[in-house]
Amino acid sequence: MVDANVHSLERQWRSVTFWHLLLLPLSWLFGAASALRRLSYRLHLLSTSRLPVPVIVIGNISVGGTGKTPLALWLVRQLLDLGWHPGIISRGYGGTADRIMRVVADSDPVKVGDEPLLLAQNLPCPVWIGKDRPAAGKALLAAHPDTDILISDDGLQHLALFRNLEIAVIDAARGTGNGFLLPAGPLREPLSRLKCVDAVVINRSGSTHPDLPSGPNFYMDFIGTVFRNLKFPEKQASAADFYGKQLHAIAGIGHPQRFFDQLAAMGLDCIVHPFPDHHNYLAHELNFPGILIMTEKDAVKCQTIATEQMWMLPVRAEVDPRLMPHLLAKLGNHHG
């Protein structure tokens, strides 16, 4: 069943009403607890694990998806082209695994989570998951000793892991909402946190006028034009192949409307079905008449129930060319 409450809550977080003001004291408590926790790490009251290789964390300061995983895919490919041997660690959010484990192309998405599986299927480098990210990183390095840099997909607030570089991703279409911390707003950390990261990447897909925060800002767009069939992956199609047909579209991502808008911009008139982020699909939930189009993130969870009427639209991140030299310069300053 589609969870409309999640998306309704996100809409509420874009405004300021009397009810938001009533929640402000809870937001202040949340902010105070977050600040105290960060201070505890700075004063070494809580321990931070430093791994023997550089660590780059890609995360966000707000609730919901912003495009971190496509950026991680882009960054790892850039590093591979430059001769690095990257590895990826992730919490495996949405998966049921309760231990540290490696993710491979045929792992169970219910167990390992959709985003780690998507990374494992698209990249020739090790992917490991675990709620304890330092332990996941150590396990990856032990199993793959040639790894010389780690990318943490999400984990900006996971301060137990020492990081050399931080990248914060912002969805320009939603921005930072009303600017309040949880629960009055969507923020996990105050906006001032963006001044502390090494780069802010603005995912401007679906937004023509992104509102940029101050600091080192870089743009990112999602590009995708070729559809692939879930049942028969060798079959491809263009948007024109679907014109005039009965179309349904699903998206279980942080911001489903971005995907639906992308399909509309391609001239496709779809009946849309937003699902909660990381939703695990059952066959009867996708029993729509006609053709069903989904994201690649949704597709990794639908392989066992795929029919020839199901198609996915893979996208790739097209990133500001200034970002990689900026990150390498920062990394060089840390490591010589």
C-alpha atoms as a PDB file:
ATOM      1  CA  MET A   1       0.000   0.000   0.000  1.00  0.00           C
ATOM      2  CA  VAL A   2       1.252   3.474  -0.883  1.00  0.00           C
ATOM      3  CA  ASP A   3       2.212   5.501   2.167  1.00  0.00           C
ATOM      4  CA  ALA A   4       0.853   8.969   1.328  1.00  0.00           C
ATOM      5  CA  ASN A   5       1.581  10.189   4.847  1.00  0.00           C
ATOM      6  CA  VAL A   6       5.323  10.361   4.140  1.00  0.00           C
ATOM      7  CA  HIS A   7       4.879  12.645   1.143  1.00  0.00           C
ATOM      8  CA  SER A   8       2.213  14.711   2.936  1.00  0.00           C
ATOM      9  CA  LEU A   9       4.645  15.280   5.793  1.00  0.00           C
ATOM     10  CA  GLU A  10       7.314  16.479   3.369  1.00  0.00           C
ATOM     11  CA  ARG A  11       4.837  18.990   1.929  1.00  0.00           C
ATOM     12  CA  GLN A  12       4.069  20.243   5.430  1.00  0.00           C
ATOM     13  CA  TRP A  13       7.765  20.791   6.084  1.00  0.00           C
ATOM     14  CA  ARG A  14       7.908  23.336   3.272  1.00  0.00           C
ATOM     15  CA  SER A  15       5.759  25.829   5.173  1.00  0.00           C
ATOM     16  CA  VAL A  16       5.550  27.499   8.570  1.00  0.00           C
ATOM     17  CA  THR A  17       2.227  27.274  10.406  1.00  0.00           C
ATOM     18  CA  PHE A  18       0.961  27.499  13.959  1.00  0.00           C
ATOM     19  CA  TRP A  19       1.495  23.759  14.323  1.00  0.00           C
ATOM     20  CA  HIS A  20       5.133  24.066  13.277  1.00  0.00           C
ATOM     21  CA  LEU A  21       5.652  26.717  15.940  1.00  0.00           C
ATOM     22  CA  LEU A  22       4.224  24.371  18.551  1.00  0.00           C
ATOM     23  CA  LEU A  23       6.833  21.797  17.549  1.00  0.00           C
ATOM     24  CA  LEU A  24       9.724  24.241  17.784  1.00  0.00           C
ATOM     25  CA  PRO A  25      10.622  23.363  21.420  1.00  0.00           C
ATOM     26  CA  LEU A  26      11.078  19.741  20.325  1.00  0.00           C
ATOM     27  CA  SER A  27      13.252  20.939  17.447  1.00  0.00           C
ATOM     28  CA  TRP A  28      15.395  22.902  19.902  1.00  0.00           C
ATOM     29  CA  LEU A  29      15.809  19.793  22.045  1.00  0.00           C
ATOM     30  CA  PHE A  30      16.741  17.778  18.952  1.00  0.00           C
ATOM     31  CA  GLY A  31      19.299  20.429  17.967  1.00  0.00           C
ATOM     32  CA  ALA A  32      20.753  20.584  21.467  1.00  0.00           C
ATOM     33  CA  ALA A  33      21.134  16.802  21.584  1.00  0.00           C
ATOM     34  CA  SER A  34      22.798  16.814  18.160  1.00  0.00           C
ATOM     35  CA  ALA A  35      25.199  19.600  19.174  1.00  0.00           C
ATOM     36  CA  LEU A  36      26.058  17.832  22.430  1.00  0.00           C
ATOM     37  CA  ARG A  37      26.784  14.623  20.579  1.00  0.00           C
ATOM     38  CA  ARG A  38      29.076  16.401  18.117  1.00  0.00           C
ATOM     39  CA  LEU A  39      30.858  18.144  20.986  1.00  0.00           C
ATOM     40  CA  SER A  40      31.359  14.805  22.716  1.00  0.00           C
ATOM     41  CA  TYR A  41      33.233  13.527  19.670  1.00  0.00           C
ATOM     42  CA  ARG A  42      35.351  16.682  19.485  1.00  0.00           C
ATOM     43  CA  LEU A  43      36.311  16.346  23.145  1.00  0.00           C
ATOM     44  CA  HIS A  44      36.998  12.618  22.621  1.00  0.00           C
ATOM     45  CA  LEU A  45      34.343  11.649  25.136  1.00  0.00           C
ATOM     46  CA  LEU A  46      33.025   9.439  22.345  1.00  0.00           C
ATOM     47  CA  SER A  47      35.565   7.586  20.229  1.00  0.00           C
ATOM     48  CA  THR A  48      36.105   8.085  16.511  1.00  0.00           C
ATOM     49  CA  SER A  49      37.638   5.320  14.390  1.00  0.00           C
ATOM     50  CA  ARG A  50      40.245   6.376  11.842  1.00  0.00           C
ATOM     51  CA  LEU A  51      40.743   3.867   9.034  1.00  0.00           C
ATOM     52  CA  PRO A  52      44.115   3.390   7.301  1.00  0.00           C
ATOM     53  CA  VAL A  53      42.816   4.799   3.989  1.00  0.00           C
ATOM     54  CA  PRO A  54      41.084   8.102   3.139  1.00  0.00           C
ATOM     55  CA  VAL A  55      37.321   8.186   3.664  1.00  0.00           C
ATOM     56  CA  ILE A  56      34.875  10.350   1.699  1.00  0.00           C
ATOM     57  CA  VAL A  57      31.375  10.623   3.137  1.00  0.00           C
ATOM     58  CA  ILE A  58      28.446  11.528   0.880  1.00  0.00           C
ATOM     59  CA  GLY A  59      25.376  12.541   2.886  1.00  0.00           C
ATOM     60  CA  ASN A  60      22.738  15.174   3.475  1.00  0.00           C
ATOM     61  CA  ILE A  61      21.423  17.295   6.306  1.00  0.00           C
ATOM     62  CA  SER A  62      17.732  16.708   5.575  1.00  0.00           C
ATOM     63  CA  VAL A  63      15.338  13.786   5.693  1.00  0.00           C
ATOM     64  CA  GLY A  64      14.624  12.049   2.419  1.00  0.00           C
ATOM     65  CA  GLY A  65      16.543  11.230  -0.742  1.00  0.00           C
ATOM     66  CA  THR A  66      18.638  13.865  -2.448  1.00  0.00           C
ATOM     67  CA  GLY A  67      20.592  11.863  -5.026  1.00  0.00           C
ATOM     68  CA  LYS A  68      23.483  10.574  -2.940  1.00  0.00           C
ATOM     69  CA  THR A  69      23.727   7.154  -4.588  1.00  0.00           C
ATOM     70  CA  PRO A  70      23.987   8.423  -8.215  1.00  0.00           C
ATOM     71  CA  LEU A  71      26.686  10.809  -6.999  1.00  0.00           C
ATOM     72  CA  ALA A  72      28.496   7.903  -5.307  1.00  0.00           C
ATOM     73  CA  LEU A  73      28.361   5.972  -8.590  1.00  0.00           C
ATOM     74  CA  TRP A  74      29.857   8.945 -10.439  1.00  0.00           C
ATOM     75  CA  LEU A  75      32.575   9.511  -7.837  1.00  0.00           C
ATOM     76  CA  VAL A  76      33.680   5.869  -7.758  1.00  0.00           C
ATOM     77  CA  ARG A  77      33.897   5.764 -11.563  1.00  0.00           C
ATOM     78  CA  GLN A  78      35.995   8.925 -11.526  1.00  0.00           C
ATOM     79  CA  LEU A  79      38.343   7.404  -8.954  1.00  0.00           C
ATOM     80  CA  LEU A  80      38.631   4.166 -10.941  1.00  0.00           C
ATOM     81  CA  ASP A  81      39.560   6.130 -14.062  1.00  0.00           C
ATOM     82  CA  LEU A  82      42.275   7.898 -12.070  1.00  0.00           C
ATOM     83  CA  GLY A  83      43.821   4.627 -10.921  1.00  0.00           C
ATOM     84  CA  TRP A  84      42.399   4.444  -7.400  1.00  0.00           C
ATOM     85  CA  HIS A  85      40.996   1.216  -5.926  1.00  0.00           C
ATOM     86  CA  PRO A  86      37.838   2.379  -4.146  1.00  0.00           C
ATOM     87  CA  GLY A  87      35.526   0.472  -1.845  1.00  0.00           C
ATOM     88  CA  ILE A  88      32.034   1.430  -0.700  1.00  0.00           C
ATOM     89  CA  ILE A  89      30.465   1.133   2.731  1.00  0.00           C
ATOM     90  CA  SER A  90      26.821   1.745   3.559  1.00  0.00           C
ATOM     91  CA  ARG A  91      24.431   1.214   6.410  1.00  0.00           C
ATOM     92  CA  GLY A  92      22.195  -0.839   4.137  1.00  0.00           C
ATOM     93  CA  TYR A  93      19.147   1.198   5.077  1.00  0.00           C
ATOM     94  CA  GLY A  94      15.886  -0.587   4.326  1.00  0.00           C
ATOM     95  CA  GLY A  95      17.530  -4.020   4.485  1.00  0.00           C
ATOM     96  CA  THR A  96      17.029  -6.594   7.215  1.00  0.00           C
ATOM     97  CA  ALA A  97      20.679  -7.677   7.597  1.00  0.00           C
ATOM     98  CA  ASP A  98      21.812  -7.413  11.227  1.00  0.00           C
ATOM     99  CA  ARG A  99      25.492  -8.110  10.604  1.00  0.00           C
ATOM    100  CA  ILE A 100      28.357  -6.752   8.526  1.00  0.00           C
ATOM    101  CA  MET A 101      28.388  -8.371   5.102  1.00  0.00           C
ATOM    102  CA  ARG A 102      29.518  -7.978   1.531  1.00  0.00           C
ATOM    103  CA  VAL A 103      26.983  -7.060  -1.132  1.00  0.00           C
ATOM    104  CA  VAL A 104      27.284  -8.731  -4.541  1.00  0.00           C
ATOM    105  CA  ALA A 105      25.251  -8.429  -7.725  1.00  0.00           C
ATOM    106  CA  ASP A 106      22.858 -11.248  -6.810  1.00  0.00           C
ATOM    107  CA  SER A 107      22.392 -10.374  -3.125  1.00  0.00           C
ATOM    108  CA  ASP A 108      18.859 -10.308  -1.753  1.00  0.00           C
ATOM    109  CA  PRO A 109      17.652  -6.671  -1.791  1.00  0.00           C
ATOM    110  CA  VAL A 110      15.345  -7.352   1.153  1.00  0.00           C
ATOM    111  CA  LYS A 111      18.406  -8.284   3.194  1.00  0.00           C
ATOM    112  CA  VAL A 112      21.056  -5.817   1.985  1.00  0.00           C
ATOM    113  CA  GLY A 113      18.934  -2.836   0.901  1.00  0.00           C
ATOM    114  CA  ASP A 114      18.253  -1.439  -2.546  1.00  0.00           C
ATOM    115  CA  GLU A 115      20.966   1.226  -2.782  1.00  0.00           C
ATOM    116  CA  PRO A 116      23.932  -1.029  -1.831  1.00  0.00           C
ATOM    117  CA  LEU A 117      22.681  -3.627  -4.313  1.00  0.00           C
ATOM    118  CA  LEU A 118      22.379  -0.972  -7.025  1.00  0.00           C
ATOM    119  CA  LEU A 119      25.981   0.043  -6.342  1.00  0.00           C
ATOM    120  CA  ALA A 120      27.204  -3.569  -6.394  1.00  0.00           C
ATOM    121  CA  GLN A 121      25.468  -4.259  -9.698  1.00  0.00           C
ATOM    122  CA  ASN A 122      26.930  -1.217 -11.405  1.00  0.00           C
ATOM    123  CA  LEU A 123      30.493  -1.004 -10.084  1.00  0.00           C
ATOM    124  CA  PRO A 124      33.553  -3.317 -10.191  1.00  0.00           C
ATOM    125  CA  CYS A 125      34.534  -2.605  -6.606  1.00  0.00           C
ATOM    126  CA  PRO A 126      33.659  -4.103  -3.204  1.00  0.00           C
ATOM    127  CA  VAL A 127      30.503  -2.964  -1.415  1.00  0.00           C
ATOM    128  CA  TRP A 128      29.989  -3.777   2.279  1.00  0.00           C
ATOM    129  CA  ILE A 129      27.157  -2.882   4.625  1.00  0.00           C
ATOM    130  CA  GLY A 130      26.828  -2.576   8.385  1.00  0.00           C
ATOM    131  CA  LYS A 131      25.215  -0.349  10.962  1.00  0.00           C
ATOM    132  CA  ASP A 132      28.686   0.086  12.473  1.00  0.00           C
ATOM    133  CA  ARG A 133      30.398   1.823   9.558  1.00  0.00           C
ATOM    134  CA  PRO A 134      33.930   1.747  10.996  1.00  0.00           C
ATOM    135  CA  ALA A 135      33.576  -2.024  11.464  1.00  0.00           C
ATOM    136  CA  ALA A 136      32.173  -2.370   7.940  1.00  0.00           C
ATOM    137  CA  GLY A 137      35.141  -0.412   6.613  1.00  0.00           C
ATOM    138  CA  LYS A 138      37.623  -2.604   8.503  1.00  0.00           C
ATOM    139  CA  ALA A 139      35.932  -5.755   7.198  1.00  0.00           C
ATOM    140  CA  LEU A 140      36.086  -4.463   3.628  1.00  0.00           C
ATOM    141  CA  LEU A 141      39.772  -3.554   3.941  1.00  0.00           C
ATOM    142  CA  ALA A 142      40.599  -6.937   5.454  1.00  0.00           C
ATOM    143  CA  ALA A 143      38.870  -8.753   2.588  1.00  0.00           C
ATOM    144  CA  HIS A 144      40.203  -6.392  -0.112  1.00  0.00           C
ATOM    145  CA  PRO A 145      43.637  -5.149   1.001  1.00  0.00           C
ATOM    146  CA  ASP A 146      44.294  -3.366  -2.322  1.00  0.00           C
ATOM    147  CA  THR A 147      41.528  -0.868  -1.515  1.00  0.00           C
ATOM    148  CA  ASP A 148      43.085   2.565  -1.086  1.00  0.00           C
ATOM    149  CA  ILE A 149      40.051   4.816  -0.564  1.00  0.00           C
ATOM    150  CA  LEU A 150      36.567   4.336   0.917  1.00  0.00           C
ATOM    151  CA  ILE A 151      33.307   6.015  -0.071  1.00  0.00           C
ATOM    152  CA  SER A 152      30.577   6.066   2.556  1.00  0.00           C
ATOM    153  CA  ASP A 153      27.169   6.254   0.887  1.00  0.00           C
ATOM    154  CA  ASP A 154      25.315   8.305   3.502  1.00  0.00           C
ATOM    155  CA  GLY A 155      26.617   8.692   7.045  1.00  0.00           C
ATOM    156  CA  LEU A 156      27.168  12.429   7.389  1.00  0.00           C
ATOM    157  CA  GLN A 157      25.818  12.184  10.944  1.00  0.00           C
ATOM    158  CA  HIS A 158      27.661   8.909  11.724  1.00  0.00           C
ATOM    159  CA  LEU A 159      30.496  10.619  13.591  1.00  0.00           C
ATOM    160  CA  ALA A 160      32.038   7.403  14.888  1.00  0.00           C
ATOM    161  CA  LEU A 161      33.726   7.138  11.485  1.00  0.00           C
ATOM    162  CA  PHE A 162      36.558   9.608  10.880  1.00  0.00           C
ATOM    163  CA  ARG A 163      36.234  11.179   7.458  1.00  0.00           C
ATOM    164  CA  ASN A 164      38.765  13.063   5.360  1.00  0.00           C
ATOM    165  CA  LEU A 165      36.207  14.720   3.093  1.00  0.00           C
ATOM    166  CA  GLU A 166      32.480  15.421   3.424  1.00  0.00           C
ATOM    167  CA  ILE A 167      30.063  16.023   0.563  1.00  0.00           C
ATOM    168  CA  ALA A 168      26.542  17.239   1.336  1.00  0.00           C
ATOM    169  CA  VAL A 169      23.887  16.734  -1.352  1.00  0.00           C
ATOM    170  CA  ILE A 170      20.837  19.006  -1.580  1.00  0.00           C
ATOM    171  CA  ASP A 171      17.749  18.405  -3.707  1.00  0.00           C
ATOM    172  CA  ALA A 172      17.102  21.785  -5.324  1.00  0.00           C
ATOM    173  CA  ALA A 173      13.444  20.953  -5.966  1.00  0.00           C
ATOM    174  CA  ARG A 174      12.777  20.626  -2.229  1.00  0.00           C
ATOM    175  CA  GLY A 175      15.676  22.648  -0.858  1.00  0.00           C
ATOM    176  CA  THR A 176      15.914  22.644   2.908  1.00  0.00           C
ATOM    177  CA  GLY A 177      12.177  23.005   3.513  1.00  0.00           C
ATOM    178  CA  ASN A 178      11.148  25.518   6.134  1.00  0.00           C
ATOM    179  CA  GLY A 179      14.665  25.512   7.616  1.00  0.00           C
ATOM    180  CA  PHE A 180      13.609  23.948  10.924  1.00  0.00           C
ATOM    181  CA  LEU A 181      15.147  20.922  12.574  1.00  0.00           C
ATOM    182  CA  LEU A 182      13.131  17.759  13.168  1.00  0.00           C
ATOM    183  CA  PRO A 183      10.262  17.430  13.966  1.00  0.00           C
ATOM    184  CA  ALA A 184       9.133  20.957  13.000  1.00  0.00           C
ATOM    185  CA  GLY A 185      11.102  20.712   9.766  1.00  0.00           C
ATOM    186  CA  PRO A 186      13.077  18.247   7.640  1.00  0.00           C
ATOM    187  CA  LEU A 187      16.587  19.076   8.863  1.00  0.00           C
ATOM    188  CA  ARG A 188      18.775  16.600  10.748  1.00  0.00           C
ATOM    189  CA  GLU A 189      21.353  19.326  11.344  1.00  0.00           C
ATOM    190  CA  PRO A 190      21.204  23.143  11.163  1.00  0.00           C
ATOM    191  CA  LEU A 191      21.949  24.914   7.892  1.00  0.00           C
ATOM    192  CA  SER A 192      25.221  26.153   9.381  1.00  0.00           C
ATOM    193  CA  ARG A 193      26.481  22.558   9.028  1.00  0.00           C
ATOM    194  CA  LEU A 194      26.866  23.169   5.286  1.00  0.00           C
ATOM    195  CA  LYS A 195      29.693  25.599   6.033  1.00  0.00           C
ATOM    196  CA  CYS A 196      31.696  22.740   7.538  1.00  0.00           C
ATOM    197  CA  VAL A 197      31.584  20.307   4.622  1.00  0.00           C
ATOM    198  CA  ASP A 198      34.130  20.191   1.806  1.00  0.00           C
ATOM    199  CA  ALA A 199      31.572  20.436  -1.002  1.00  0.00           C
ATOM    200  CA  VAL A 200      27.846  21.031  -1.412  1.00  0.00           C
ATOM    201  CA  VAL A 201      26.373  19.332  -4.482  1.00  0.00           C
ATOM    202  CA  ILE A 202      23.055  20.719  -5.705  1.00  0.00           C
ATOM    203  CA  ASN A 203      20.902  18.123  -7.434  1.00  0.00           C
ATOM    204  CA  ARG A 204      19.045  20.488  -9.716  1.00  0.00           C
ATOM    205  CA  SER A 205      17.084  17.788 -11.601  1.00  0.00           C
ATOM    206  CA  GLY A 206      13.483  18.968 -11.664  1.00  0.00           C
ATOM    207  CA  SER A 207      14.366  22.516 -10.600  1.00  0.00           C
ATOM    208  CA  THR A 208      15.112  25.402 -12.936  1.00  0.00           C
ATOM    209  CA  HIS A 209      16.012  27.916 -10.243  1.00  0.00           C
ATOM    210  CA  PRO A 210      17.984  26.185  -7.492  1.00  0.00           C
ATOM    211  CA  ASP A 211      18.467  28.157  -4.303  1.00  0.00           C
ATOM    212  CA  LEU A 212      22.133  27.818  -3.451  1.00  0.00           C
ATOM    213  CA  PRO A 213      23.584  27.925   0.048  1.00  0.00           C
ATOM    214  CA  SER A 214      26.828  29.755   0.605  1.00  0.00           C
ATOM    215  CA  GLY A 215      30.076  27.805   0.293  1.00  0.00           C
ATOM    216  CA  PRO A 216      31.735  25.555  -2.304  1.00  0.00           C
ATOM    217  CA  ASN A 217      28.737  24.671  -4.489  1.00  0.00           C
ATOM    218  CA  PHE A 218      28.608  22.313  -7.449  1.00  0.00           C
ATOM    219  CA  TYR A 219      25.766  21.253  -9.731  1.00  0.00           C
ATOM    220  CA  MET A 220      24.506  17.770 -10.566  1.00  0.00           C
ATOM    221  CA  ASP A 221      21.882  16.658 -13.092  1.00  0.00           C
ATOM    222  CA  PHE A 222      20.371  13.251 -13.813  1.00  0.00           C
ATOM    223  CA  ILE A 223      20.489  12.097 -17.424  1.00  0.00           C
ATOM    224  CA  GLY A 224      18.515   9.118 -18.748  1.00  0.00           C
ATOM    225  CA  THR A 225      16.958   8.460 -22.160  1.00  0.00           C
ATOM    226  CA  VAL A 226      17.094   4.683 -22.745  1.00  0.00           C
ATOM    227  CA  PHE A 227      14.609   2.334 -21.066  1.00  0.00           C
ATOM    228  CA  ARG A 228      15.490  -1.301 -20.292  1.00  0.00           C
ATOM    229  CA  ASN A 229      13.117  -4.218 -19.907  1.00  0.00           C
ATOM    230  CA  LEU A 230      13.174  -5.947 -16.516  1.00  0.00           C
ATOM    231  CA  LYS A 231      12.325  -9.405 -17.833  1.00  0.00           C
ATOM    232  CA  PHE A 232      14.638  -9.214 -20.842  1.00  0.00           C
ATOM    233  CA  PRO A 233      17.444  -6.722 -20.013  1.00  0.00           C
ATOM    234  CA  GLU A 234      18.813  -6.876 -23.568  1.00  0.00           C
ATOM    235  CA  LYS A 235      15.624  -5.178 -24.810  1.00  0.00           C
ATOM    236  CA  GLN A 236      15.803  -1.384 -24.930  1.00  0.00           C
ATOM    237  CA  ALA A 237      13.311   1.306 -25.842  1.00  0.00           C
ATOM    238  CA  SER A 238      13.066   5.050 -26.242  1.00  0.00           C
ATOM    239  CA  ALA A 239      10.314   7.282 -24.932  1.00  0.00           C
ATOM    240  CA  ALA A 240       8.784   7.399 -28.416  1.00  0.00           C
ATOM    241  CA  ASP A 241       8.189   3.635 -28.245  1.00  0.00           C
ATOM    242  CA  PHE A 242       5.701   4.248 -25.410  1.00  0.00           C
ATOM    243  CA  TYR A 243       3.723   7.089 -26.990  1.00  0.00           C
ATOM    244  CA  GLY A 244      -0.006   6.401 -27.135  1.00  0.00           C
ATOM    245  CA  LYS A 245       0.179   3.402 -24.798  1.00  0.00           C
ATOM    246  CA  GLN A 246      -1.358   2.922 -21.360  1.00  0.00           C
ATOM    247  CA  LEU A 247       1.406   3.775 -18.915  1.00  0.00           C
ATOM    248  CA  HIS A 248       1.814   3.487 -15.165  1.00  0.00           C
ATOM    249  CA  ALA A 249       4.863   4.742 -13.253  1.00  0.00           C
ATOM    250  CA  ILE A 250       6.043   3.809  -9.765  1.00  0.00           C
ATOM    251  CA  ALA A 251       8.769   5.345  -7.634  1.00  0.00           C
ATOM    252  CA  GLY A 252       9.855   4.277  -4.156  1.00  0.00           C
ATOM    253  CA  ILE A 253      12.544   6.923  -3.803  1.00  0.00           C
ATOM    254  CA  GLY A 254      13.057   9.925  -1.536  1.00  0.00           C
ATOM    255  CA  HIS A 255      11.408  12.339  -3.982  1.00  0.00           C
ATOM    256  CA  PRO A 256       9.095  10.380  -6.353  1.00  0.00           C
ATOM    257  CA  GLN A 257       7.805  13.485  -8.107  1.00  0.00           C
ATOM    258  CA  ARG A 258      11.243  14.118  -9.567  1.00  0.00           C
ATOM    259  CA  PHE A 259      11.012  10.823 -11.478  1.00  0.00           C
ATOM    260  CA  PHE A 260       7.435  11.473 -12.569  1.00  0.00           C
ATOM    261  CA  ASP A 261       8.376  14.941 -13.808  1.00  0.00           C
ATOM    262  CA  GLN A 262      11.266  13.436 -15.768  1.00  0.00           C
ATOM    263  CA  LEU A 263       8.902  11.042 -17.534  1.00  0.00           C
ATOM    264  CA  ALA A 264       6.471  13.882 -18.282  1.00  0.00           C
ATOM    265  CA  ALA A 265       9.322  15.958 -19.740  1.00  0.00           C
ATOM    266  CA  MET A 266      10.007  13.024 -22.079  1.00  0.00           C
ATOM    267  CA  GLY A 267       6.423  13.267 -23.361  1.00  0.00           C
ATOM    268  CA  LEU A 268       5.063  10.288 -21.423  1.00  0.00           C
ATOM    269  CA  ASP A 269       1.570  10.534 -19.937  1.00  0.00           C
ATOM    270  CA  CYS A 270       1.702   8.163 -16.966  1.00  0.00           C
ATOM    271  CA  ILE A 271      -0.652   7.303 -14.135  1.00  0.00           C
ATOM    272  CA  VAL A 272       1.714   7.761 -11.205  1.00  0.00           C
ATOM    273  CA  HIS A 273       2.009   5.674  -8.051  1.00  0.00           C
ATOM    274  CA  PRO A 274       4.403   7.023  -5.386  1.00  0.00           C
ATOM    275  CA  PHE A 275       5.604   4.504  -2.810  1.00  0.00           C
ATOM    276  CA  PRO A 276       7.612   5.033   0.396  1.00  0.00           C
ATOM    277  CA  ASP A 277      11.378   5.210   0.025  1.00  0.00           C
ATOM    278  CA  HIS A 278      13.039   1.737   0.070  1.00  0.00           C
ATOM    279  CA  HIS A 279       9.648   0.015  -0.342  1.00  0.00           C
ATOM    280  CA  ASN A 280       9.848  -3.761  -0.915  1.00  0.00           C
ATOM    281  CA  TYR A 281       7.335  -4.546  -3.646  1.00  0.00           C
ATOM    282  CA  LEU A 282       4.923  -7.457  -3.807  1.00  0.00           C
ATOM    283  CA  ALA A 283       3.620  -8.749  -7.135  1.00  0.00           C
ATOM    284  CA  HIS A 284       0.003  -7.754  -6.507  1.00  0.00           C
ATOM    285  CA  GLU A 285       1.063  -4.129  -5.853  1.00  0.00           C
ATOM    286  CA  LEU A 286       2.335  -3.872  -9.421  1.00  0.00           C
ATOM    287  CA  ASN A 287      -0.573  -5.551 -11.170  1.00  0.00           C
ATOM    288  CA  PHE A 288      -1.424  -2.581 -13.368  1.00  0.00           C
ATOM    289  CA  PRO A 289      -2.914  -2.834 -16.869  1.00  0.00           C
ATOM    290  CA  GLY A 290      -0.539  -1.735 -19.598  1.00  0.00           C
ATOM    291  CA  ILE A 291       3.125  -0.842 -19.297  1.00  0.00           C
ATOM    292  CA  LEU A 292       4.831  -0.177 -15.966  1.00  0.00           C
ATOM    293  CA  ILE A 293       7.860   2.142 -15.761  1.00  0.00           C
ATOM    294  CA  MET A 294      10.072   2.420 -12.672  1.00  0.00           C
ATOM    295  CA  THR A 295      13.417   3.717 -11.458  1.00  0.00           C
ATOM    296  CA  GLU A 296      16.542   1.565 -11.444  1.00  0.00           C
ATOM    297  CA  LYS A 297      16.463   1.643  -7.653  1.00  0.00           C
ATOM    298  CA  ASP A 298      12.960   0.124  -7.722  1.00  0.00           C
ATOM    299  CA  ALA A 299      13.976  -2.371 -10.391  1.00  0.00           C
ATOM    300  CA  VAL A 300      16.603  -4.106  -8.233  1.00  0.00           C
ATOM    301  CA  LYS A 301      13.762  -5.147  -5.897  1.00  0.00           C
ATOM    302  CA  CYS A 302      11.461  -6.354  -8.671  1.00  0.00           C
ATOM    303  CA  GLN A 303      13.694  -8.860 -10.486  1.00  0.00           C
ATOM    304  CA  THR A 304      11.938 -11.907  -9.047  1.00  0.00           C
ATOM    305  CA  ILE A 305       8.487 -10.601 -10.021  1.00  0.00           C
ATOM    306  CA  ALA A 306       9.463  -9.021 -13.342  1.00  0.00           C
ATOM    307  CA  THR A 307       7.224  -9.300 -16.393  1.00  0.00           C
ATOM    308  CA  GLU A 308       7.888  -8.176 -19.960  1.00  0.00           C
ATOM    309  CA  GLN A 309       5.525  -5.246 -19.334  1.00  0.00           C
ATOM    310  CA  MET A 310       7.933  -3.770 -16.756  1.00  0.00           C
ATOM    311  CA  TRP A 311      10.558  -1.243 -17.804  1.00  0.00           C
ATOM    312  CA  MET A 312      13.103   0.835 -15.928  1.00  0.00           C
ATOM    313  CA  LEU A 313      14.816   4.112 -16.738  1.00  0.00           C
ATOM    314  CA  PRO A 314      18.461   4.081 -15.603  1.00  0.00           C
ATOM    315  CA  VAL A 315      19.929   7.525 -14.984  1.00  0.00           C
ATOM    316  CA  ARG A 316      23.488   8.731 -14.567  1.00  0.00           C
ATOM    317  CA  ALA A 317      24.718  11.758 -12.723  1.00  0.00           C
ATOM    318  CA  GLU A 318      26.198  14.530 -14.848  1.00  0.00           C
ATOM    319  CA  VAL A 319      28.316  16.448 -12.365  1.00  0.00           C
ATOM    320  CA  ASP A 320      29.941  19.866 -12.397  1.00  0.00           C
ATOM    321  CA  PRO A 321      33.442  19.245 -13.862  1.00  0.00           C
ATOM    322  CA  ARG A 322      34.961  21.449 -11.159  1.00  0.00           C
ATOM    323  CA  LEU A 323      34.032  18.994  -8.413  1.00  0.00           C
ATOM    324  CA  MET A 324      36.653  16.286  -8.982  1.00  0.00           C
ATOM    325  CA  PRO A 325      39.670  18.652  -9.094  1.00  0.00           C
ATOM    326  CA  HIS A 326      38.290  20.342  -5.970  1.00  0.00           C
ATOM    327  CA  LEU A 327      38.043  17.016  -4.107  1.00  0.00           C
ATOM    328  CA  LEU A 328      41.477  15.847  -5.251  1.00  0.00           C
ATOM    329  CA  ALA A 329      43.036  19.103  -4.091  1.00  0.00           C
ATOM    330  CA  LYS A 330      41.346  18.749  -0.695  1.00  0.00           C
ATOM    331  CA  LEU A 331      42.422  15.116  -0.483  1.00  0.00           C
ATOM    332  CA  GLY A 332      45.980  16.046  -1.385  1.00  0.00           C
ATOM    333  CA  ASN A 333      46.069  18.609   1.371  1.00  0.00           C
ATOM    334  CA  HIS A 334      45.191  15.845   3.832  1.00  0.00           C
ATOM    335  CA  HIS A 335      47.467  13.130   2.450  1.00  0.00           C
ATOM    336  CA  GLY A 336      50.235  14.788   0.487  1.00  0.00           C
END
